[in-house]
C-alpha atoms as a PDB file:
ATOM      1  CA  MET A   1      89.710  94.851 100.055  1.00  0.00           C
ATOM      2  CA  LYS A   2      90.907  92.190 102.423  1.00  0.00           C
ATOM      3  CA  GLN A   3      88.609  89.815 104.346  1.00  0.00           C
ATOM      4  CA  VAL A   4      89.316  89.596 108.088  1.00  0.00           C
ATOM      5  CA  GLU A   5      87.687  87.234 110.567  1.00  0.00           C
ATOM      6  CA  VAL A   6      86.968  88.745 113.990  1.00  0.00           C
ATOM      7  CA  SER A   7      85.118  87.754 117.148  1.00  0.00           C
ATOM      8  CA  ILE A   8      82.771  90.002 119.099  1.00  0.00           C
ATOM      9  CA  MET A   9      81.143  88.637 122.244  1.00  0.00           C
ATOM     10  CA  GLY A  10      82.087  85.116 121.145  1.00  0.00           C
ATOM     11  CA  HIS A  11      80.467  85.380 117.698  1.00  0.00           C
ATOM     12  CA  GLY A  12      82.580  85.312 114.552  1.00  0.00           C
ATOM     13  CA  TYR A  13      82.244  87.881 111.764  1.00  0.00           C
ATOM     14  CA  ILE A  14      83.946  88.253 108.394  1.00  0.00           C
ATOM     15  CA  LEU A  15      84.667  91.936 107.735  1.00  0.00           C
ATOM     16  CA  GLY A  16      86.043  93.788 104.747  1.00  0.00           C
ATOM     17  CA  CYS A  17      89.204  95.716 105.545  1.00  0.00           C
ATOM     18  CA  PRO A  18      91.312  97.998 103.341  1.00  0.00           C
ATOM     19  CA  GLU A  19      94.943  96.961 102.876  1.00  0.00           C
ATOM     20  CA  GLY A  20      96.978  98.300 105.775  1.00  0.00           C
ATOM     21  CA  GLY A  21      93.902  98.899 107.933  1.00  0.00           C
ATOM     22  CA  GLU A  22      94.138  95.711 109.974  1.00  0.00           C
ATOM     23  CA  ALA A  23      95.533  97.381 113.106  1.00  0.00           C
ATOM     24  CA  LEU A  24      92.791 100.033 113.154  1.00  0.00           C
ATOM     25  CA  LEU A  25      90.132  97.391 112.536  1.00  0.00           C
ATOM     26  CA  ALA A  26      91.557  95.289 115.389  1.00  0.00           C
ATOM     27  CA  GLN A  27      91.327  98.340 117.690  1.00  0.00           C
ATOM     28  CA  ALA A  28      87.748  99.006 116.625  1.00  0.00           C
ATOM     29  CA  VAL A  29      86.756  95.366 117.142  1.00  0.00           C
ATOM     30  CA  ALA A  30      88.403  95.345 120.580  1.00  0.00           C
ATOM     31  CA  SER A  31      86.507  98.521 121.567  1.00  0.00           C
ATOM     32  CA  VAL A  32      83.166  97.161 120.391  1.00  0.00           C
ATOM     33  CA  ASP A  33      83.769  93.775 122.037  1.00  0.00           C
ATOM     34  CA  LYS A  34      84.792  95.423 125.322  1.00  0.00           C
ATOM     35  CA  GLU A  35      81.781  97.750 125.338  1.00  0.00           C
ATOM     36  CA  MET A  36      79.280  95.027 124.406  1.00  0.00           C
ATOM     37  CA  THR A  37      80.753  92.613 126.978  1.00  0.00           C
ATOM     38  CA  HIS A  38      80.580  95.294 129.675  1.00  0.00           C
ATOM     39  CA  ILE A  39      76.902  95.976 128.908  1.00  0.00           C
ATOM     40  CA  ARG A  40      76.074  92.250 128.813  1.00  0.00           C
ATOM     41  CA  ASP A  41      77.947  91.585 132.068  1.00  0.00           C
ATOM     42  CA  SER A  42      76.097  94.397 133.844  1.00  0.00           C
ATOM     43  CA  GLY A  43      73.086  92.063 133.685  1.00  0.00           C
ATOM     44  CA  LYS A  44      70.570  94.752 132.809  1.00  0.00           C
ATOM     45  CA  VAL A  45      70.299  94.005 129.078  1.00  0.00           C
ATOM     46  CA  LYS A  46      70.152  90.521 127.594  1.00  0.00           C
ATOM     47  CA  ALA A  47      69.077  90.977 123.972  1.00  0.00           C
ATOM     48  CA  ARG A  48      72.112  90.995 121.690  1.00  0.00           C
ATOM     49  CA  GLU A  49      70.594  93.615 119.372  1.00  0.00           C
ATOM     50  CA  ARG A  50      69.916  96.023 122.252  1.00  0.00           C
ATOM     51  CA  ILE A  51      73.441  95.449 123.585  1.00  0.00           C
ATOM     52  CA  ALA A  52      74.844  96.324 120.148  1.00  0.00           C
ATOM     53  CA  VAL A  53      72.752  99.512 119.904  1.00  0.00           C
ATOM     54  CA  LEU A  54      73.745 100.647 123.405  1.00  0.00           C
ATOM     55  CA  ALA A  55      77.411  99.897 122.699  1.00  0.00           C
ATOM     56  CA  ALA A  56      77.243 101.875 119.442  1.00  0.00           C
ATOM     57  CA  LEU A  57      75.655 104.822 121.239  1.00  0.00           C
ATOM     58  CA  ASN A  58      78.245 104.720 124.023  1.00  0.00           C
ATOM     59  CA  LEU A  59      81.141 104.594 121.551  1.00  0.00           C
ATOM     60  CA  ALA A  60      79.654 107.358 119.380  1.00  0.00           C
ATOM     61  CA  TYR A  61      79.208 109.539 122.474  1.00  0.00           C
ATOM     62  CA  GLN A  62      82.819 108.907 123.533  1.00  0.00           C
ATOM     63  CA  LEU A  63      84.016 109.871 120.045  1.00  0.00           C
ATOM     64  CA  ALA A  64      81.913 113.054 119.992  1.00  0.00           C
ATOM     65  CA  GLU A  65      83.159 113.959 123.460  1.00  0.00           C
ATOM     66  CA  SER A  66      86.759 113.397 122.370  1.00  0.00           C
ATOM     67  CA  LEU A  67      86.292 115.522 119.229  1.00  0.00           C
ATOM     68  CA  ALA A  68      84.681 118.308 121.258  1.00  0.00           C
ATOM     69  CA  ARG A  69      87.728 118.457 123.565  1.00  0.00           C
ATOM     70  CA  GLN A  70      90.190 118.744 120.684  1.00  0.00           C
ATOM     71  CA  PRO A  71      90.763 122.283 119.493  1.00  0.00           C
ATOM     72  CA  ALA A  72      89.836 122.429 115.815  1.00  0.00           C
ATOM     73  CA  ALA A  73      91.741 124.562 113.353  1.00  0.00           C
ATOM     74  CA  PRO A  74      89.879 127.878 113.291  1.00  0.00           C
ATOM     75  CA  ALA A  75      87.317 128.173 110.497  1.00  0.00           C
ATOM     76  CA  VAL A  76      88.464 124.935 108.867  1.00  0.00           C
ATOM     77  CA  ALA A  77      86.883 122.093 110.839  1.00  0.00           C
ATOM     78  CA  ALA A  78      83.611 122.036 112.692  1.00  0.00           C
ATOM     79  CA  VAL A  79      81.891 119.176 114.508  1.00  0.00           C
ATOM     80  CA  ASN A  80      78.426 118.410 113.216  1.00  0.00           C
ATOM     81  CA  GLY A  81      75.532 117.031 115.256  1.00  0.00           C
ATOM     82  CA  ALA A  82      76.701 113.465 114.661  1.00  0.00           C
ATOM     83  CA  GLY A  83      80.116 114.238 116.123  1.00  0.00           C
ATOM     84  CA  ARG A  84      81.946 114.164 112.789  1.00  0.00           C
ATOM     85  CA  ALA A  85      84.404 116.816 111.724  1.00  0.00           C
ATOM     86  CA  GLU A  86      83.284 118.643 108.601  1.00  0.00           C
ATOM     87  CA  LEU A  87      85.099 121.085 106.414  1.00  0.00           C
ATOM     88  CA  ASP A  88      83.822 124.632 106.908  1.00  0.00           C
ATOM     89  CA  LEU A  89      84.257 125.962 103.368  1.00  0.00           C
ATOM     90  CA  ALA A  90      82.729 129.368 104.090  1.00  0.00           C
ATOM     91  CA  GLY A  91      85.132 129.875 106.974  1.00  0.00           C
ATOM     92  CA  LEU A  92      88.057 128.728 104.872  1.00  0.00           C
ATOM     93  CA  LEU A  93      87.113 131.204 102.113  1.00  0.00           C
ATOM     94  CA  ARG A  94      86.897 134.012 104.693  1.00  0.00           C
ATOM     95  CA  ARG A  95      90.415 133.167 105.905  1.00  0.00           C
ATOM     96  CA  VAL A  96      91.784 133.127 102.351  1.00  0.00           C
ATOM     97  CA  ASP A  97      90.026 136.425 101.562  1.00  0.00           C
ATOM     98  CA  ALA A  98      91.475 137.985 104.718  1.00  0.00           C
ATOM     99  CA  ALA A  99      94.936 136.743 103.767  1.00  0.00           C
ATOM    100  CA  LEU A 100      94.592 138.188 100.262  1.00  0.00           C
ATOM    101  CA  GLY A 101      93.483 141.536 101.686  1.00  0.00           C
ATOM    102  CA  ASP A 102      93.076 144.183  98.992  1.00  0.00           C
ATOM    103  CA  ASP A 103      94.532 141.917  96.303  1.00  0.00           C
ATOM    104  CA  GLY A 104      91.082 140.511  95.607  1.00  0.00           C
ATOM    105  CA  GLN A 105      88.611 137.965  96.818  1.00  0.00           C
ATOM    106  CA  LEU A 106      88.155 134.445  95.539  1.00  0.00           C
ATOM    107  CA  LEU A 107      84.352 134.680  95.348  1.00  0.00           C
END
């Protein structure tokens, strides 16, 4: 794990980053910094902790909204309440059973 120094709203942080993940981490940091700066600059919220929580909620909502718009592979991926894709094993087994037809079922 590599150590990377980043800046969010003018404050420095040392973050762990897997090898080869620097570009994705840089994108994530830029998104968080942009969102937190936008909230701070709106003037309605001053406490850094509240700004961070609101930014996290906004980014999580955007991710969930983006996942909801993407068509998932039928019976393989489902979006849970937290907006994360999860493997639908029961649906996958049904698809395999249907493909096997009369040759037998897995379970």
